[in-house]
Amino acid sequence: MGSNMYSGPPNGVRDRQIVTAKANAYVDFGIELGKLMDIYENEQDLEETISFFKHFEPLN
């Protein structure tokens, strides 16, 4: 889950088909669901999604 962008333990985790996250980690929860559903085209797509929704960085 974009481990190069995080410090500390993850807010959202997945174990097989169970996804859980802290209450304020709705973005992490959504990203993990997206990974479970295989919606990202590639690693760059995943990183862009994390940058946009978690760090509020505009897409180029």
PDB file of N, CA and C in Angstrom:
ATOM      1  N   MET A   1       0.834  -1.185   0.000  1.00  0.00           N
ATOM      2  CA  MET A   1       0.000   0.000   0.000  1.00  0.00           C
ATOM      3  C   MET A   1       0.874   1.242   0.000  1.00  0.00           C
ATOM      4  N   GLY A   2       1.646   1.434  -1.020  1.00  0.00           N
ATOM      5  CA  GLY A   2       2.440   2.643  -1.104  1.00  0.00           C
ATOM      6  C   GLY A   2       3.335   2.835   0.097  1.00  0.00           C
ATOM      7  N   SER A   3       4.023   1.790   0.538  1.00  0.00           N
ATOM      8  CA  SER A   3       4.768   1.838   1.788  1.00  0.00           C
ATOM      9  C   SER A   3       5.812   2.944   1.825  1.00  0.00           C
ATOM     10  N   ASN A   4       6.288   3.398   0.677  1.00  0.00           N
ATOM     11  CA  ASN A   4       7.268   4.473   0.674  1.00  0.00           C
ATOM     12  C   ASN A   4       6.653   5.817   1.054  1.00  0.00           C
ATOM     13  N   MET A   5       5.333   5.905   1.159  1.00  0.00           N
ATOM     14  CA  MET A   5       4.671   7.167   1.465  1.00  0.00           C
ATOM     15  C   MET A   5       4.188   7.240   2.911  1.00  0.00           C
ATOM     16  N   TYR A   6       4.413   6.185   3.698  1.00  0.00           N
ATOM     17  CA  TYR A   6       3.863   6.131   5.040  1.00  0.00           C
ATOM     18  C   TYR A   6       4.964   6.056   6.078  1.00  0.00           C
ATOM     19  N   SER A   7       4.685   6.590   7.241  1.00  0.00           N
ATOM     20  CA  SER A   7       5.560   6.389   8.381  1.00  0.00           C
ATOM     21  C   SER A   7       4.694   5.851   9.508  1.00  0.00           C
ATOM     22  N   GLY A   8       5.188   4.848  10.189  1.00  0.00           N
ATOM     23  CA  GLY A   8       4.411   4.222  11.245  1.00  0.00           C
ATOM     24  C   GLY A   8       3.563   3.091  10.717  1.00  0.00           C
ATOM     25  N   PRO A   9       2.779   2.484  11.605  1.00  0.00           N
ATOM     26  CA  PRO A   9       1.952   1.347  11.188  1.00  0.00           C
ATOM     27  C   PRO A   9       0.849   1.777  10.228  1.00  0.00           C
ATOM     28  N   PRO A  10       0.407   0.868   9.355  1.00  0.00           N
ATOM     29  CA  PRO A  10      -0.650   1.219   8.397  1.00  0.00           C
ATOM     30  C   PRO A  10      -1.990   1.440   9.084  1.00  0.00           C
ATOM     31  N   ASN A  11      -2.798   2.317   8.522  1.00  0.00           N
ATOM     32  CA  ASN A  11      -4.134   2.578   9.056  1.00  0.00           C
ATOM     33  C   ASN A  11      -5.151   1.581   8.544  1.00  0.00           C
ATOM     34  N   GLY A  12      -4.894   1.009   7.383  1.00  0.00           N
ATOM     35  CA  GLY A  12      -5.796   0.022   6.795  1.00  0.00           C
ATOM     36  C   GLY A  12      -5.025  -1.232   6.450  1.00  0.00           C
ATOM     37  N   VAL A  13      -5.611  -2.372   6.733  1.00  0.00           N
ATOM     38  CA  VAL A  13      -4.939  -3.635   6.444  1.00  0.00           C
ATOM     39  C   VAL A  13      -5.918  -4.626   5.826  1.00  0.00           C
ATOM     40  N   ARG A  14      -5.339  -5.614   5.136  1.00  0.00           N
ATOM     41  CA  ARG A  14      -6.152  -6.660   4.514  1.00  0.00           C
ATOM     42  C   ARG A  14      -5.528  -8.002   4.827  1.00  0.00           C
ATOM     43  N   ASP A  15      -6.352  -8.958   5.198  1.00  0.00           N
ATOM     44  CA  ASP A  15      -5.935 -10.338   5.404  1.00  0.00           C
ATOM     45  C   ASP A  15      -6.885 -11.210   4.603  1.00  0.00           C
ATOM     46  N   ARG A  16      -6.396 -11.752   3.499  1.00  0.00           N
ATOM     47  CA  ARG A  16      -7.216 -12.482   2.532  1.00  0.00           C
ATOM     48  C   ARG A  16      -8.337 -11.573   2.045  1.00  0.00           C
ATOM     49  N   GLN A  17      -9.593 -11.842   2.388  1.00  0.00           N
ATOM     50  CA  GLN A  17     -10.693 -11.007   1.899  1.00  0.00           C
ATOM     51  C   GLN A  17     -11.325 -10.169   2.998  1.00  0.00           C
ATOM     52  N   ILE A  18     -10.633 -10.003   4.106  1.00  0.00           N
ATOM     53  CA  ILE A  18     -11.107  -9.154   5.196  1.00  0.00           C
ATOM     54  C   ILE A  18     -10.311  -7.855   5.160  1.00  0.00           C
ATOM     55  N   VAL A  19     -11.009  -6.730   5.085  1.00  0.00           N
ATOM     56  CA  VAL A  19     -10.377  -5.412   5.076  1.00  0.00           C
ATOM     57  C   VAL A  19     -10.867  -4.656   6.297  1.00  0.00           C
ATOM     58  N   THR A  20      -9.934  -4.033   7.012  1.00  0.00           N
ATOM     59  CA  THR A  20     -10.310  -3.242   8.176  1.00  0.00           C
ATOM     60  C   THR A  20      -9.429  -1.998   8.237  1.00  0.00           C
ATOM     61  N   ALA A  21      -9.922  -0.982   8.918  1.00  0.00           N
ATOM     62  CA  ALA A  21      -9.164   0.260   9.059  1.00  0.00           C
ATOM     63  C   ALA A  21      -9.668   1.012  10.276  1.00  0.00           C
ATOM     64  N   LYS A  22      -8.839   1.927  10.754  1.00  0.00           N
ATOM     65  CA  LYS A  22      -9.264   2.815  11.835  1.00  0.00           C
ATOM     66  C   LYS A  22     -10.404   3.690  11.327  1.00  0.00           C
ATOM     67  N   ALA A  23     -11.188   4.205  12.236  1.00  0.00           N
ATOM     68  CA  ALA A  23     -12.368   4.998  11.851  1.00  0.00           C
ATOM     69  C   ALA A  23     -12.012   6.195  10.980  1.00  0.00           C
ATOM     70  N   ASN A  24     -10.895   6.840  11.241  1.00  0.00           N
ATOM     71  CA  ASN A  24     -10.517   8.025  10.469  1.00  0.00           C
ATOM     72  C   ASN A  24      -9.647   7.680   9.253  1.00  0.00           C
ATOM     73  N   ALA A  25      -9.525   6.409   8.939  1.00  0.00           N
ATOM     74  CA  ALA A  25      -8.680   5.974   7.824  1.00  0.00           C
ATOM     75  C   ALA A  25      -9.524   5.475   6.655  1.00  0.00           C
ATOM     76  N   TYR A  26     -10.549   6.231   6.316  1.00  0.00           N
ATOM     77  CA  TYR A  26     -11.453   5.808   5.242  1.00  0.00           C
ATOM     78  C   TYR A  26     -10.753   5.749   3.889  1.00  0.00           C
ATOM     79  N   VAL A  27      -9.745   6.577   3.671  1.00  0.00           N
ATOM     80  CA  VAL A  27      -9.002   6.519   2.408  1.00  0.00           C
ATOM     81  C   VAL A  27      -8.207   5.214   2.340  1.00  0.00           C
ATOM     82  N   ASP A  28      -7.535   4.874   3.426  1.00  0.00           N
ATOM     83  CA  ASP A  28      -6.781   3.623   3.472  1.00  0.00           C
ATOM     84  C   ASP A  28      -7.708   2.427   3.252  1.00  0.00           C
ATOM     85  N   PHE A  29      -8.889   2.487   3.847  1.00  0.00           N
ATOM     86  CA  PHE A  29      -9.876   1.429   3.687  1.00  0.00           C
ATOM     87  C   PHE A  29     -10.262   1.289   2.215  1.00  0.00           C
ATOM     88  N   GLY A  30     -10.543   2.417   1.575  1.00  0.00           N
ATOM     89  CA  GLY A  30     -10.916   2.399   0.163  1.00  0.00           C
ATOM     90  C   GLY A  30      -9.802   1.890  -0.732  1.00  0.00           C
ATOM     91  N   ILE A  31      -8.574   2.263  -0.427  1.00  0.00           N
ATOM     92  CA  ILE A  31      -7.433   1.805  -1.217  1.00  0.00           C
ATOM     93  C   ILE A  31      -7.276   0.293  -1.086  1.00  0.00           C
ATOM     94  N   GLU A  32      -7.404  -0.214   0.127  1.00  0.00           N
ATOM     95  CA  GLU A  32      -7.310  -1.663   0.324  1.00  0.00           C
ATOM     96  C   GLU A  32      -8.436  -2.397  -0.400  1.00  0.00           C
ATOM     97  N   LEU A  33      -9.638  -1.841  -0.376  1.00  0.00           N
ATOM     98  CA  LEU A  33     -10.742  -2.453  -1.124  1.00  0.00           C
ATOM     99  C   LEU A  33     -10.434  -2.466  -2.620  1.00  0.00           C
ATOM    100  N   GLY A  34      -9.883  -1.361  -3.112  1.00  0.00           N
ATOM    101  CA  GLY A  34      -9.508  -1.295  -4.519  1.00  0.00           C
ATOM    102  C   GLY A  34      -8.468  -2.335  -4.889  1.00  0.00           C
ATOM    103  N   LYS A  35      -7.506  -2.557  -3.992  1.00  0.00           N
ATOM    104  CA  LYS A  35      -6.503  -3.589  -4.237  1.00  0.00           C
ATOM    105  C   LYS A  35      -7.141  -4.968  -4.240  1.00  0.00           C
ATOM    106  N   LEU A  36      -8.047  -5.207  -3.315  1.00  0.00           N
ATOM    107  CA  LEU A  36      -8.746  -6.491  -3.249  1.00  0.00           C
ATOM    108  C   LEU A  36      -9.543  -6.748  -4.521  1.00  0.00           C
ATOM    109  N   MET A  37     -10.161  -5.694  -5.053  1.00  0.00           N
ATOM    110  CA  MET A  37     -10.985  -5.820  -6.254  1.00  0.00           C
ATOM    111  C   MET A  37     -10.165  -5.688  -7.538  1.00  0.00           C
ATOM    112  N   ASP A  38      -8.861  -5.462  -7.391  1.00  0.00           N
ATOM    113  CA  ASP A  38      -7.940  -5.382  -8.525  1.00  0.00           C
ATOM    114  C   ASP A  38      -8.356  -4.301  -9.525  1.00  0.00           C
ATOM    115  N   ILE A  39      -8.641  -3.091  -9.010  1.00  0.00           N
ATOM    116  CA  ILE A  39      -9.090  -2.009  -9.889  1.00  0.00           C
ATOM    117  C   ILE A  39      -7.952  -1.133 -10.408  1.00  0.00           C
ATOM    118  N   TYR A  40      -6.765  -1.259  -9.839  1.00  0.00           N
ATOM    119  CA  TYR A  40      -5.653  -0.416 -10.265  1.00  0.00           C
ATOM    120  C   TYR A  40      -4.978  -1.034 -11.480  1.00  0.00           C
ATOM    121  N   GLU A  41      -4.714  -0.218 -12.487  1.00  0.00           N
ATOM    122  CA  GLU A  41      -4.109  -0.703 -13.728  1.00  0.00           C
ATOM    123  C   GLU A  41      -2.679  -1.180 -13.511  1.00  0.00           C
ATOM    124  N   ASN A  42      -1.949  -0.471 -12.644  1.00  0.00           N
ATOM    125  CA  ASN A  42      -0.558  -0.813 -12.363  1.00  0.00           C
ATOM    126  C   ASN A  42      -0.137  -0.093 -11.080  1.00  0.00           C
ATOM    127  N   GLU A  43       1.123  -0.236 -10.713  1.00  0.00           N
ATOM    128  CA  GLU A  43       1.629   0.379  -9.480  1.00  0.00           C
ATOM    129  C   GLU A  43       1.537   1.906  -9.548  1.00  0.00           C
ATOM    130  N   GLN A  44       1.775   2.476 -10.712  1.00  0.00           N
ATOM    131  CA  GLN A  44       1.680   3.927 -10.868  1.00  0.00           C
ATOM    132  C   GLN A  44       0.257   4.410 -10.603  1.00  0.00           C
ATOM    133  N   ASP A  45      -0.731   3.694 -11.088  1.00  0.00           N
ATOM    134  CA  ASP A  45      -2.133   4.038 -10.846  1.00  0.00           C
ATOM    135  C   ASP A  45      -2.426   4.021  -9.349  1.00  0.00           C
ATOM    136  N   LEU A  46      -1.927   3.007  -8.655  1.00  0.00           N
ATOM    137  CA  LEU A  46      -2.102   2.926  -7.203  1.00  0.00           C
ATOM    138  C   LEU A  46      -1.448   4.117  -6.515  1.00  0.00           C
ATOM    139  N   GLU A  47      -0.215   4.428  -6.877  1.00  0.00           N
ATOM    140  CA  GLU A  47       0.505   5.544  -6.257  1.00  0.00           C
ATOM    141  C   GLU A  47      -0.187   6.879  -6.533  1.00  0.00           C
ATOM    142  N   GLU A  48      -0.710   7.069  -7.743  1.00  0.00           N
ATOM    143  CA  GLU A  48      -1.442   8.296  -8.066  1.00  0.00           C
ATOM    144  C   GLU A  48      -2.712   8.410  -7.229  1.00  0.00           C
ATOM    145  N   THR A  49      -3.391   7.296  -7.028  1.00  0.00           N
ATOM    146  CA  THR A  49      -4.603   7.290  -6.208  1.00  0.00           C
ATOM    147  C   THR A  49      -4.275   7.669  -4.774  1.00  0.00           C
ATOM    148  N   ILE A  50      -3.209   7.095  -4.234  1.00  0.00           N
ATOM    149  CA  ILE A  50      -2.790   7.420  -2.870  1.00  0.00           C
ATOM    150  C   ILE A  50      -2.422   8.895  -2.768  1.00  0.00           C
ATOM    151  N   SER A  51      -1.643   9.393  -3.720  1.00  0.00           N
ATOM    152  CA  SER A  51      -1.229  10.803  -3.700  1.00  0.00           C
ATOM    153  C   SER A  51      -2.423  11.742  -3.747  1.00  0.00           C
ATOM    154  N   PHE A  52      -3.388  11.431  -4.594  1.00  0.00           N
ATOM    155  CA  PHE A  52      -4.543  12.308  -4.770  1.00  0.00           C
ATOM    156  C   PHE A  52      -5.461  12.296  -3.550  1.00  0.00           C
ATOM    157  N   PHE A  53      -5.860  11.124  -3.102  1.00  0.00           N
ATOM    158  CA  PHE A  53      -6.862  11.039  -2.040  1.00  0.00           C
ATOM    159  C   PHE A  53      -6.286  11.157  -0.633  1.00  0.00           C
ATOM    160  N   LYS A  54      -5.046  10.724  -0.422  1.00  0.00           N
ATOM    161  CA  LYS A  54      -4.484  10.753   0.924  1.00  0.00           C
ATOM    162  C   LYS A  54      -3.658  12.011   1.171  1.00  0.00           C
ATOM    163  N   HIS A  55      -2.963  12.477   0.147  1.00  0.00           N
ATOM    164  CA  HIS A  55      -2.054  13.612   0.328  1.00  0.00           C
ATOM    165  C   HIS A  55      -2.513  14.865  -0.408  1.00  0.00           C
ATOM    166  N   PHE A  56      -3.674  14.800  -1.052  1.00  0.00           N
ATOM    167  CA  PHE A  56      -4.284  15.945  -1.738  1.00  0.00           C
ATOM    168  C   PHE A  56      -3.368  16.570  -2.784  1.00  0.00           C
ATOM    169  N   GLU A  57      -2.577  15.727  -3.455  1.00  0.00           N
ATOM    170  CA  GLU A  57      -1.686  16.200  -4.507  1.00  0.00           C
ATOM    171  C   GLU A  57      -2.402  16.090  -5.851  1.00  0.00           C
ATOM    172  N   PRO A  58      -2.379  17.149  -6.662  1.00  0.00           N
ATOM    173  CA  PRO A  58      -3.064  17.094  -7.964  1.00  0.00           C
ATOM    174  C   PRO A  58      -2.380  16.105  -8.900  1.00  0.00           C
ATOM    175  N   LEU A  59      -3.172  15.533  -9.800  1.00  0.00           N
ATOM    176  CA  LEU A  59      -2.619  14.630 -10.799  1.00  0.00           C
ATOM    177  C   LEU A  59      -1.961  15.440 -11.901  1.00  0.00           C
ATOM    178  N   ASN A  60      -0.908  14.899 -12.459  1.00  0.00           N
ATOM    179  CA  ASN A  60      -0.205  15.592 -13.553  1.00  0.00           C
ATOM    180  C   ASN A  60      -0.749  15.167 -14.879  1.00  0.00           C
TER     181      ASN A  60
END
